[in-house]
């Protein structure tokens, strides 16, 4: 049974938003930084790089 943590969801939403912006700008360095941030936060990249 999965529970939804609002704080974690806010972090994923933030990462997703910033990842989409980096994709549009073709900014590989920004995407790499987001992946590092996600690892630090314990969030899998698939959670914010894949479409909902």
C-alpha atoms as a PDB file:
ATOM      1  CA  UNK A   1       0.000   0.000   0.000  1.00  0.00           C
ATOM      2  CA  UNK A   2       1.660   3.203  -1.200  1.00  0.00           C
ATOM      3  CA  UNK A   3       1.072   6.460   0.599  1.00  0.00           C
ATOM      4  CA  UNK A   4       1.448   9.843  -1.032  1.00  0.00           C
ATOM      5  CA  UNK A   5       3.906  12.122   0.739  1.00  0.00           C
ATOM      6  CA  UNK A   6       3.050  15.729  -0.242  1.00  0.00           C
ATOM      7  CA  UNK A   7       6.621  16.931   0.390  1.00  0.00           C
ATOM      8  CA  UNK A   8       8.109  14.215  -1.808  1.00  0.00           C
ATOM      9  CA  UNK A   9       5.534  14.885  -4.529  1.00  0.00           C
ATOM     10  CA  UNK A  10       6.439  18.581  -4.452  1.00  0.00           C
ATOM     11  CA  UNK A  11      10.109  17.665  -4.904  1.00  0.00           C
ATOM     12  CA  UNK A  12       9.310  15.388  -7.858  1.00  0.00           C
ATOM     13  CA  UNK A  13       7.118  18.089  -9.414  1.00  0.00           C
ATOM     14  CA  UNK A  14       9.935  20.624  -9.030  1.00  0.00           C
ATOM     15  CA  UNK A  15      12.474  18.271 -10.576  1.00  0.00           C
ATOM     16  CA  UNK A  16      10.074  17.496 -13.441  1.00  0.00           C
ATOM     17  CA  UNK A  17       9.473  21.170 -14.163  1.00  0.00           C
ATOM     18  CA  UNK A  18      13.166  22.031 -14.162  1.00  0.00           C
ATOM     19  CA  UNK A  19      13.999  18.926 -16.234  1.00  0.00           C
ATOM     20  CA  UNK A  20      11.454  19.915 -18.897  1.00  0.00           C
ATOM     21  CA  UNK A  21      12.969  23.392 -19.040  1.00  0.00           C
ATOM     22  CA  UNK A  22      16.493  21.958 -19.378  1.00  0.00           C
ATOM     23  CA  UNK A  23      15.267  19.657 -22.157  1.00  0.00           C
ATOM     24  CA  UNK A  24      13.777  22.577 -24.077  1.00  0.00           C
ATOM     25  CA  UNK A  25      17.049  24.495 -23.768  1.00  0.00           C
ATOM     26  CA  UNK A  26      19.180  21.424 -24.610  1.00  0.00           C
ATOM     27  CA  UNK A  27      21.117  22.049 -21.386  1.00  0.00           C
ATOM     28  CA  UNK A  28      23.007  18.847 -20.579  1.00  0.00           C
ATOM     29  CA  UNK A  29      24.757  20.373 -17.552  1.00  0.00           C
ATOM     30  CA  UNK A  30      21.447  21.360 -15.961  1.00  0.00           C
ATOM     31  CA  UNK A  31      20.051  17.871 -16.533  1.00  0.00           C
ATOM     32  CA  UNK A  32      23.153  16.315 -14.959  1.00  0.00           C
ATOM     33  CA  UNK A  33      22.748  18.588 -11.927  1.00  0.00           C
ATOM     34  CA  UNK A  34      19.102  17.532 -11.617  1.00  0.00           C
ATOM     35  CA  UNK A  35      20.076  13.855 -11.681  1.00  0.00           C
ATOM     36  CA  UNK A  36      22.603  14.482  -8.906  1.00  0.00           C
ATOM     37  CA  UNK A  37      20.002  16.362  -6.868  1.00  0.00           C
ATOM     38  CA  UNK A  38      17.508  13.539  -7.342  1.00  0.00           C
ATOM     39  CA  UNK A  39      20.028  10.945  -6.123  1.00  0.00           C
ATOM     40  CA  UNK A  40      20.717  13.085  -3.073  1.00  0.00           C
ATOM     41  CA  UNK A  41      16.975  13.276  -2.374  1.00  0.00           C
ATOM     42  CA  UNK A  42      16.453   9.550  -2.944  1.00  0.00           C
ATOM     43  CA  UNK A  43      14.314  10.077  -6.045  1.00  0.00           C
ATOM     44  CA  UNK A  44      14.733   7.879  -9.103  1.00  0.00           C
ATOM     45  CA  UNK A  45      15.259   9.820 -12.359  1.00  0.00           C
ATOM     46  CA  UNK A  46      12.389   7.915 -13.984  1.00  0.00           C
ATOM     47  CA  UNK A  47      10.012   9.633 -11.569  1.00  0.00           C
ATOM     48  CA  UNK A  48      10.568  13.045 -13.146  1.00  0.00           C
ATOM     49  CA  UNK A  49      11.893  12.330 -16.645  1.00  0.00           C
ATOM     50  CA  UNK A  50       8.971  10.280 -17.928  1.00  0.00           C
ATOM     51  CA  UNK A  51       5.659  11.775 -18.950  1.00  0.00           C
ATOM     52  CA  UNK A  52       2.806  11.288 -16.546  1.00  0.00           C
END
